[in-house]
PDB file of N, CA and C in Angstrom:
ATOM      1  N   MET A   1       4.439  -0.140   1.272  1.00  0.00           N
ATOM      2  CA  MET A   1       4.234   0.758  -0.179  1.00  0.00           C
ATOM      3  C   MET A   1       3.564   2.327   0.223  1.00  0.00           C
ATOM      4  N   VAL A   2       4.484   2.842  -0.878  1.00  0.00           N
ATOM      5  CA  VAL A   2       4.420   4.615  -0.566  1.00  0.00           C
ATOM      6  C   VAL A   2       2.993   4.367  -1.904  1.00  0.00           C
ATOM      7  N   VAL A   3       2.192   4.893  -0.913  1.00  0.00           N
ATOM      8  CA  VAL A   3       0.506   5.137  -1.615  1.00  0.00           C
ATOM      9  C   VAL A   3       0.301   6.697  -1.592  1.00  0.00           C
ATOM     10  N   SER A   4       1.186   7.740  -1.483  1.00  0.00           N
ATOM     11  CA  SER A   4       0.971   9.414  -1.376  1.00  0.00           C
ATOM     12  C   SER A   4       1.394   9.938  -3.250  1.00  0.00           C
ATOM     13  N   SER A   5       1.419  10.605  -3.869  1.00  0.00           N
ATOM     14  CA  SER A   5       1.535  11.264  -5.355  1.00  0.00           C
ATOM     15  C   SER A   5       2.537  11.879  -4.567  1.00  0.00           C
ATOM     16  N   ASP A   6       3.202  11.902  -6.547  1.00  0.00           N
ATOM     17  CA  ASP A   6       4.513  12.898  -5.658  1.00  0.00           C
ATOM     18  C   ASP A   6       4.644  14.527  -5.931  1.00  0.00           C
ATOM     19  N   GLY A   7       2.975  14.778  -6.122  1.00  0.00           N
ATOM     20  CA  GLY A   7       3.142  15.597  -6.606  1.00  0.00           C
ATOM     21  C   GLY A   7       2.363  17.013  -5.088  1.00  0.00           C
ATOM     22  N   VAL A   8       1.773  16.023  -3.956  1.00  0.00           N
ATOM     23  CA  VAL A   8       1.411  15.785  -2.770  1.00  0.00           C
ATOM     24  C   VAL A   8       2.688  17.377  -2.160  1.00  0.00           C
ATOM     25  N   GLY A   9       1.661  18.250  -1.350  1.00  0.00           N
ATOM     26  CA  GLY A   9       2.910  19.009  -0.389  1.00  0.00           C
ATOM     27  C   GLY A   9       3.924  19.081  -0.926  1.00  0.00           C
ATOM     28  N   GLN A  10       4.899  20.413  -0.013  1.00  0.00           N
ATOM     29  CA  GLN A  10       6.572  20.358   0.165  1.00  0.00           C
ATOM     30  C   GLN A  10       6.964  19.865   1.076  1.00  0.00           C
ATOM     31  N   LEU A  11       6.425  18.997   2.062  1.00  0.00           N
ATOM     32  CA  LEU A  11       6.941  18.399   2.832  1.00  0.00           C
ATOM     33  C   LEU A  11       7.535  17.269   2.637  1.00  0.00           C
ATOM     34  N   PRO A  12       9.035  16.626   2.888  1.00  0.00           N
ATOM     35  CA  PRO A  12       9.373  15.448   2.105  1.00  0.00           C
ATOM     36  C   PRO A  12       9.232  14.272   3.271  1.00  0.00           C
ATOM     37  N   ILE A  13       7.579  14.111   3.013  1.00  0.00           N
ATOM     38  CA  ILE A  13       7.247  12.905   3.563  1.00  0.00           C
ATOM     39  C   ILE A  13       6.243  12.038   2.648  1.00  0.00           C
ATOM     40  N   LYS A  14       6.333  11.086   2.817  1.00  0.00           N
ATOM     41  CA  LYS A  14       5.516  10.110   1.560  1.00  0.00           C
ATOM     42  C   LYS A  14       4.682   9.067   2.901  1.00  0.00           C
ATOM     43  N   LEU A  15       2.879   9.099   2.717  1.00  0.00           N
ATOM     44  CA  LEU A  15       2.509   7.977   3.023  1.00  0.00           C
ATOM     45  C   LEU A  15       2.414   7.136   2.485  1.00  0.00           C
ATOM     46  N   ILE A  16       3.153   6.233   3.599  1.00  0.00           N
ATOM     47  CA  ILE A  16       3.198   4.813   3.294  1.00  0.00           C
ATOM     48  C   ILE A  16       2.217   3.957   4.124  1.00  0.00           C
ATOM     49  N   ALA A  17       1.454   2.090   3.801  1.00  0.00           N
ATOM     50  CA  ALA A  17       0.971   1.266   3.979  1.00  0.00           C
ATOM     51  C   ALA A  17       1.582  -0.191   3.703  1.00  0.00           C
ATOM     52  N   PRO A  18       1.588  -0.822   5.545  1.00  0.00           N
ATOM     53  CA  PRO A  18       3.229  -1.538   5.447  1.00  0.00           C
ATOM     54  C   PRO A  18       2.700  -3.292   4.263  1.00  0.00           C
ATOM     55  N   ILE A  19       3.178  -3.050   4.566  1.00  0.00           N
ATOM     56  CA  ILE A  19       2.682  -4.633   3.443  1.00  0.00           C
ATOM     57  C   ILE A  19       3.113  -5.699   4.102  1.00  0.00           C
ATOM     58  N   THR A  20       2.459  -6.891   4.469  1.00  0.00           N
ATOM     59  CA  THR A  20       2.690  -7.777   6.025  1.00  0.00           C
ATOM     60  C   THR A  20       2.573  -9.298   4.696  1.00  0.00           C
ATOM     61  N   ASP A  21       2.534 -10.745   4.764  1.00  0.00           N
ATOM     62  CA  ASP A  21       2.540 -11.346   4.828  1.00  0.00           C
ATOM     63  C   ASP A  21       0.808 -11.788   4.587  1.00  0.00           C
ATOM     64  N   TRP A  22       0.205 -12.759   3.847  1.00  0.00           N
ATOM     65  CA  TRP A  22      -1.238 -13.090   3.650  1.00  0.00           C
ATOM     66  C   TRP A  22      -1.576 -13.582   4.405  1.00  0.00           C
ATOM     67  N   LYS A  23      -2.878 -13.815   5.026  1.00  0.00           N
ATOM     68  CA  LYS A  23      -3.228 -15.188   6.273  1.00  0.00           C
ATOM     69  C   LYS A  23      -5.111 -14.882   5.549  1.00  0.00           C
ATOM     70  N   GLU A  24      -5.624 -16.619   5.549  1.00  0.00           N
ATOM     71  CA  GLU A  24      -6.594 -16.953   4.897  1.00  0.00           C
ATOM     72  C   GLU A  24      -8.165 -15.328   6.210  1.00  0.00           C
ATOM     73  N   TYR A  25      -7.628 -15.461   7.039  1.00  0.00           N
ATOM     74  CA  TYR A  25      -8.669 -14.918   7.360  1.00  0.00           C
ATOM     75  C   TYR A  25      -8.311 -13.369   6.905  1.00  0.00           C
ATOM     76  N   TYR A  26      -7.536 -13.323   6.795  1.00  0.00           N
ATOM     77  CA  TYR A  26      -7.734 -11.359   6.232  1.00  0.00           C
ATOM     78  C   TYR A  26      -8.678 -11.273   4.757  1.00  0.00           C
ATOM     79  N   THR A  27      -9.552 -11.853   4.602  1.00  0.00           N
ATOM     80  CA  THR A  27     -10.159 -11.686   3.638  1.00  0.00           C
ATOM     81  C   THR A  27     -11.697 -11.175   3.276  1.00  0.00           C
ATOM     82  N   GLY A  28     -11.796 -11.834   4.671  1.00  0.00           N
ATOM     83  CA  GLY A  28     -13.219 -10.887   4.795  1.00  0.00           C
ATOM     84  C   GLY A  28     -12.684  -9.194   5.128  1.00  0.00           C
ATOM     85  N   ASN A  29     -11.474  -8.527   5.666  1.00  0.00           N
ATOM     86  CA  ASN A  29     -10.946  -7.548   5.874  1.00  0.00           C
ATOM     87  C   ASN A  29     -11.153  -6.908   4.745  1.00  0.00           C
ATOM     88  N   ILE A  30     -11.918  -5.458   5.079  1.00  0.00           N
ATOM     89  CA  ILE A  30     -11.432  -4.021   3.489  1.00  0.00           C
ATOM     90  C   ILE A  30     -10.241  -3.657   3.944  1.00  0.00           C
ATOM     91  N   TRP A  31     -10.080  -3.596   4.825  1.00  0.00           N
ATOM     92  CA  TRP A  31      -8.543  -2.623   5.303  1.00  0.00           C
ATOM     93  C   TRP A  31      -6.810  -4.107   4.921  1.00  0.00           C
ATOM     94  N   HIS A  32      -7.472  -4.773   4.547  1.00  0.00           N
ATOM     95  CA  HIS A  32      -6.374  -6.039   3.922  1.00  0.00           C
ATOM     96  C   HIS A  32      -6.480  -5.778   2.675  1.00  0.00           C
ATOM     97  N   VAL A  33      -5.695  -5.933   1.575  1.00  0.00           N
ATOM     98  CA  VAL A  33      -5.857  -5.410   0.447  1.00  0.00           C
ATOM     99  C   VAL A  33      -4.773  -6.602  -0.113  1.00  0.00           C
ATOM    100  N   LYS A  34      -5.076  -7.799  -1.004  1.00  0.00           N
ATOM    101  CA  LYS A  34      -3.596  -8.940  -1.567  1.00  0.00           C
ATOM    102  C   LYS A  34      -3.892  -8.352  -2.190  1.00  0.00           C
ATOM    103  N   ILE A  35      -2.198  -8.806  -2.575  1.00  0.00           N
ATOM    104  CA  ILE A  35      -0.554  -8.569  -3.619  1.00  0.00           C
ATOM    105  C   ILE A  35      -0.559 -10.157  -3.837  1.00  0.00           C
ATOM    106  N   GLU A  36      -0.443 -10.223  -5.117  1.00  0.00           N
ATOM    107  CA  GLU A  36      -0.146 -12.075  -5.874  1.00  0.00           C
ATOM    108  C   GLU A  36       1.180 -11.120  -6.111  1.00  0.00           C
ATOM    109  N   PRO A  37       2.519 -12.308  -5.933  1.00  0.00           N
ATOM    110  CA  PRO A  37       4.028 -11.889  -6.243  1.00  0.00           C
ATOM    111  C   PRO A  37       4.605 -11.893  -8.141  1.00  0.00           C
ATOM    112  N   ASP A  38       4.626 -11.416  -8.478  1.00  0.00           N
ATOM    113  CA  ASP A  38       5.306 -10.813  -9.277  1.00  0.00           C
ATOM    114  C   ASP A  38       6.532 -10.330  -9.742  1.00  0.00           C
ATOM    115  N   THR A  39       6.581 -10.559 -11.281  1.00  0.00           N
ATOM    116  CA  THR A  39       8.173  -9.588 -11.051  1.00  0.00           C
ATOM    117  C   THR A  39       7.995  -8.480 -11.393  1.00  0.00           C
ATOM    118  N   THR A  40       7.496  -7.882 -11.219  1.00  0.00           N
ATOM    119  CA  THR A  40       6.989  -6.513 -11.552  1.00  0.00           C
ATOM    120  C   THR A  40       7.032  -5.836 -10.148  1.00  0.00           C
ATOM    121  N   ASN A  41       6.192  -6.161  -9.394  1.00  0.00           N
ATOM    122  CA  ASN A  41       6.733  -6.057  -7.489  1.00  0.00           C
ATOM    123  C   ASN A  41       7.753  -6.417  -6.999  1.00  0.00           C
ATOM    124  N   ASN A  42       8.108  -7.847  -7.563  1.00  0.00           N
ATOM    125  CA  ASN A  42       9.549  -8.116  -6.947  1.00  0.00           C
ATOM    126  C   ASN A  42       8.737  -8.995  -5.283  1.00  0.00           C
ATOM    127  N   LEU A  43       7.847  -9.387  -5.019  1.00  0.00           N
ATOM    128  CA  LEU A  43       7.583  -9.805  -3.865  1.00  0.00           C
ATOM    129  C   LEU A  43       7.852 -11.753  -3.400  1.00  0.00           C
ATOM    130  N   THR A  44       8.409 -11.869  -2.889  1.00  0.00           N
ATOM    131  CA  THR A  44       7.783 -13.786  -3.617  1.00  0.00           C
ATOM    132  C   THR A  44       7.472 -14.533  -1.976  1.00  0.00           C
ATOM    133  N   LYS A  45       6.207 -13.704  -1.306  1.00  0.00           N
ATOM    134  CA  LYS A  45       5.415 -14.683  -1.439  1.00  0.00           C
ATOM    135  C   LYS A  45       3.734 -13.510  -1.866  1.00  0.00           C
ATOM    136  N   VAL A  46       2.409 -14.375  -1.030  1.00  0.00           N
ATOM    137  CA  VAL A  46       1.000 -13.863  -1.505  1.00  0.00           C
ATOM    138  C   VAL A  46       1.420 -12.785  -0.364  1.00  0.00           C
ATOM    139  N   SER A  47       1.401 -11.796  -0.679  1.00  0.00           N
ATOM    140  CA  SER A  47       1.114 -10.936   0.906  1.00  0.00           C
ATOM    141  C   SER A  47      -0.338  -9.742   1.031  1.00  0.00           C
ATOM    142  N   ALA A  48      -0.283  -9.104   1.661  1.00  0.00           N
ATOM    143  CA  ALA A  48      -1.493  -8.030   2.264  1.00  0.00           C
ATOM    144  C   ALA A  48      -0.618  -6.999   2.134  1.00  0.00           C
ATOM    145  N   VAL A  49      -1.715  -5.800   1.802  1.00  0.00           N
ATOM    146  CA  VAL A  49      -0.973  -4.171   2.509  1.00  0.00           C
ATOM    147  C   VAL A  49      -2.243  -4.252   3.336  1.00  0.00           C
ATOM    148  N   ASP A  50      -1.627  -3.150   3.984  1.00  0.00           N
ATOM    149  CA  ASP A  50      -2.819  -2.765   5.246  1.00  0.00           C
ATOM    150  C   ASP A  50      -2.731  -1.595   5.351  1.00  0.00           C
ATOM    151  N   VAL A  51      -4.326  -0.862   4.597  1.00  0.00           N
ATOM    152  CA  VAL A  51      -4.375   0.339   4.403  1.00  0.00           C
ATOM    153  C   VAL A  51      -4.833   0.773   5.876  1.00  0.00           C
ATOM    154  N   LEU A  52      -5.213   0.301   7.166  1.00  0.00           N
ATOM    155  CA  LEU A  52      -5.613   0.916   8.342  1.00  0.00           C
ATOM    156  C   LEU A  52      -4.321   0.940   8.862  1.00  0.00           C
ATOM    157  N   GLN A  53      -2.752   0.856   8.576  1.00  0.00           N
ATOM    158  CA  GLN A  53      -1.879   1.571   9.056  1.00  0.00           C
ATOM    159  C   GLN A  53      -1.056   2.547   8.397  1.00  0.00           C
ATOM    160  N   LEU A  54      -1.780   3.282   7.936  1.00  0.00           N
ATOM    161  CA  LEU A  54      -1.070   4.239   6.670  1.00  0.00           C
ATOM    162  C   LEU A  54      -0.544   5.088   7.828  1.00  0.00           C
ATOM    163  N   ARG A  55       0.529   5.634   7.346  1.00  0.00           N
ATOM    164  CA  ARG A  55       2.022   6.867   8.072  1.00  0.00           C
ATOM    165  C   ARG A  55       2.610   7.375   7.161  1.00  0.00           C
ATOM    166  N   GLY A  56       2.489   9.139   8.168  1.00  0.00           N
ATOM    167  CA  GLY A  56       3.661   9.782   7.084  1.00  0.00           C
ATOM    168  C   GLY A  56       4.686   8.361   6.888  1.00  0.00           C
ATOM    169  N   MET A  57       6.027   8.708   6.530  1.00  0.00           N
ATOM    170  CA  MET A  57       6.707   8.402   6.407  1.00  0.00           C
ATOM    171  C   MET A  57       8.628   9.220   5.474  1.00  0.00           C
ATOM    172  N   ASP A  58       9.360  10.027   6.677  1.00  0.00           N
ATOM    173  CA  ASP A  58      10.598  11.119   6.185  1.00  0.00           C
ATOM    174  C   ASP A  58      10.748  10.116   4.997  1.00  0.00           C
ATOM    175  N   VAL A  59      11.280  10.969   3.469  1.00  0.00           N
ATOM    176  CA  VAL A  59      11.560  10.184   2.270  1.00  0.00           C
ATOM    177  C   VAL A  59      12.922   9.610   2.170  1.00  0.00           C
ATOM    178  N   GLN A  60      13.830  10.170   3.788  1.00  0.00           N
ATOM    179  CA  GLN A  60      14.817   9.959   4.105  1.00  0.00           C
ATOM    180  C   GLN A  60      15.072   8.256   4.148  1.00  0.00           C
ATOM    181  N   ARG A  61      13.742   7.943   5.187  1.00  0.00           N
ATOM    182  CA  ARG A  61      13.732   6.177   5.993  1.00  0.00           C
ATOM    183  C   ARG A  61      13.607   5.995   4.348  1.00  0.00           C
ATOM    184  N   LEU A  62      13.235   6.170   3.083  1.00  0.00           N
ATOM    185  CA  LEU A  62      12.747   5.117   1.888  1.00  0.00           C
ATOM    186  C   LEU A  62      14.370   5.122   1.647  1.00  0.00           C
ATOM    187  N   ILE A  63      15.226   3.588   1.755  1.00  0.00           N
ATOM    188  CA  ILE A  63      15.932   3.137   1.194  1.00  0.00           C
ATOM    189  C   ILE A  63      16.237   3.120  -0.241  1.00  0.00           C
ATOM    190  N   ARG A  64      15.442   1.926  -0.422  1.00  0.00           N
ATOM    191  CA  ARG A  64      15.522   1.627  -1.925  1.00  0.00           C
ATOM    192  C   ARG A  64      14.229   1.184  -2.333  1.00  0.00           C
ATOM    193  N   LYS A  65      14.190   1.372  -3.959  1.00  0.00           N
ATOM    194  CA  LYS A  65      12.319   0.934  -4.429  1.00  0.00           C
ATOM    195  C   LYS A  65      12.562  -0.402  -5.124  1.00  0.00           C
ATOM    196  N   VAL A  66      11.862  -1.774  -4.014  1.00  0.00           N
ATOM    197  CA  VAL A  66      11.921  -2.616  -4.285  1.00  0.00           C
ATOM    198  C   VAL A  66      11.314  -3.250  -5.082  1.00  0.00           C
ATOM    199  N   GLY A  67       9.799  -2.402  -5.550  1.00  0.00           N
ATOM    200  CA  GLY A  67       9.275  -3.015  -7.148  1.00  0.00           C
ATOM    201  C   GLY A  67       7.937  -1.585  -7.046  1.00  0.00           C
ATOM    202  N   GLU A  68       6.669  -2.149  -8.577  1.00  0.00           N
ATOM    203  CA  GLU A  68       6.246  -1.267  -8.692  1.00  0.00           C
ATOM    204  C   GLU A  68       5.171  -2.223  -8.605  1.00  0.00           C
ATOM    205  N   CYS A  69       3.784  -1.219  -9.106  1.00  0.00           N
ATOM    206  CA  CYS A  69       2.074  -2.337  -9.238  1.00  0.00           C
ATOM    207  C   CYS A  69       1.252  -1.715  -9.591  1.00  0.00           C
ATOM    208  N   SER A  70       0.572  -2.238  -9.873  1.00  0.00           N
ATOM    209  CA  SER A  70      -0.137  -1.106 -11.740  1.00  0.00           C
ATOM    210  C   SER A  70      -1.843  -0.363 -10.888  1.00  0.00           C
ATOM    211  N   SER A  71      -0.836   0.444 -11.658  1.00  0.00           N
ATOM    212  CA  SER A  71      -2.502   1.645 -11.606  1.00  0.00           C
ATOM    213  C   SER A  71      -3.903   1.229 -11.609  1.00  0.00           C
ATOM    214  N   GLU A  72      -3.834  -0.131 -11.850  1.00  0.00           N
ATOM    215  CA  GLU A  72      -5.841  -1.168 -11.307  1.00  0.00           C
ATOM    216  C   GLU A  72      -5.327  -1.706  -9.780  1.00  0.00           C
ATOM    217  N   PHE A  73      -4.040  -1.710  -9.757  1.00  0.00           N
ATOM    218  CA  PHE A  73      -4.204  -2.402  -7.715  1.00  0.00           C
ATOM    219  C   PHE A  73      -4.003  -1.161  -7.223  1.00  0.00           C
ATOM    220  N   MET A  74      -3.234  -0.187  -7.219  1.00  0.00           N
ATOM    221  CA  MET A  74      -3.484   1.518  -6.513  1.00  0.00           C
ATOM    222  C   MET A  74      -4.845   1.443  -6.627  1.00  0.00           C
ATOM    223  N   GLU A  75      -5.838   1.662  -7.246  1.00  0.00           N
ATOM    224  CA  GLU A  75      -6.981   1.671  -7.156  1.00  0.00           C
ATOM    225  C   GLU A  75      -7.790   0.962  -6.508  1.00  0.00           C
ATOM    226  N   GLU A  76      -7.598  -0.191  -6.168  1.00  0.00           N
ATOM    227  CA  GLU A  76      -8.106  -1.075  -4.678  1.00  0.00           C
ATOM    228  C   GLU A  76      -7.351  -0.378  -4.359  1.00  0.00           C
ATOM    229  N   ILE A  77      -6.132  -0.209  -3.814  1.00  0.00           N
ATOM    230  CA  ILE A  77      -5.696   0.050  -2.655  1.00  0.00           C
ATOM    231  C   ILE A  77      -6.693   2.089  -2.362  1.00  0.00           C
ATOM    232  N   ALA A  78      -6.843   2.843  -3.120  1.00  0.00           N
ATOM    233  CA  ALA A  78      -7.614   3.785  -2.510  1.00  0.00           C
ATOM    234  C   ALA A  78      -8.591   3.772  -2.303  1.00  0.00           C
ATOM    235  N   THR A  79      -9.391   2.354  -3.079  1.00  0.00           N
ATOM    236  CA  THR A  79     -10.691   2.248  -2.691  1.00  0.00           C
ATOM    237  C   THR A  79     -10.885   1.452  -1.228  1.00  0.00           C
ATOM    238  N   ALA A  80     -10.272   0.356  -1.207  1.00  0.00           N
ATOM    239  CA  ALA A  80      -9.302   0.288   0.363  1.00  0.00           C
ATOM    240  C   ALA A  80      -9.650   1.479   1.498  1.00  0.00           C
ATOM    241  N   ILE A  81      -8.331   2.393   1.151  1.00  0.00           N
ATOM    242  CA  ILE A  81      -8.747   3.692   1.527  1.00  0.00           C
ATOM    243  C   ILE A  81      -9.726   4.604   2.404  1.00  0.00           C
ATOM    244  N   ALA A  82     -10.613   4.251   1.222  1.00  0.00           N
ATOM    245  CA  ALA A  82     -11.487   5.905   1.016  1.00  0.00           C
ATOM    246  C   ALA A  82     -12.937   4.197   1.647  1.00  0.00           C
ATOM    247  N   ALA A  83     -12.893   2.782   1.951  1.00  0.00           N
ATOM    248  CA  ALA A  83     -13.782   2.688   2.398  1.00  0.00           C
ATOM    249  C   ALA A  83     -13.273   2.538   4.231  1.00  0.00           C
ATOM    250  N   VAL A  84     -11.927   2.367   4.260  1.00  0.00           N
ATOM    251  CA  VAL A  84     -11.707   2.819   5.436  1.00  0.00           C
ATOM    252  C   VAL A  84     -11.915   4.066   6.192  1.00  0.00           C
ATOM    253  N   VAL A  85     -12.181   5.431   5.501  1.00  0.00           N
ATOM    254  CA  VAL A  85     -12.356   6.537   6.096  1.00  0.00           C
ATOM    255  C   VAL A  85     -13.696   6.800   5.612  1.00  0.00           C
ATOM    256  N   GLU A  86     -14.528   6.106   5.121  1.00  0.00           N
ATOM    257  CA  GLU A  86     -15.971   6.088   4.832  1.00  0.00           C
ATOM    258  C   GLU A  86     -16.383   7.068   4.232  1.00  0.00           C
ATOM    259  N   TYR A  87     -15.073   7.579   3.176  1.00  0.00           N
ATOM    260  CA  TYR A  87     -16.037   8.393   2.200  1.00  0.00           C
ATOM    261  C   TYR A  87     -16.273   7.410   1.446  1.00  0.00           C
ATOM    262  N   PHE A  88     -17.795   7.283   1.163  1.00  0.00           N
ATOM    263  CA  PHE A  88     -18.760   7.151   0.240  1.00  0.00           C
ATOM    264  C   PHE A  88     -20.236   7.954  -0.305  1.00  0.00           C
TER     265      PHE A  88
END
């Protein structure tokens, strides 16, 4: 999942968080954000965005857009990132 804004920086790099399949034991983790599949995100199963594994990625490696998420969900992602870096 791309979590960086298009307006950040001039380098051709995006900040991304990997998406993995959901495990029930992720429930207590502040760094796993649960995401339900729907027609907007085009996921096929309940998944988790792992914000503990944020990384920069060259835009050339981003081959195709799979789906989108709501601004409310991006707020959840931002909150999880803030919690991981203890920005409160």
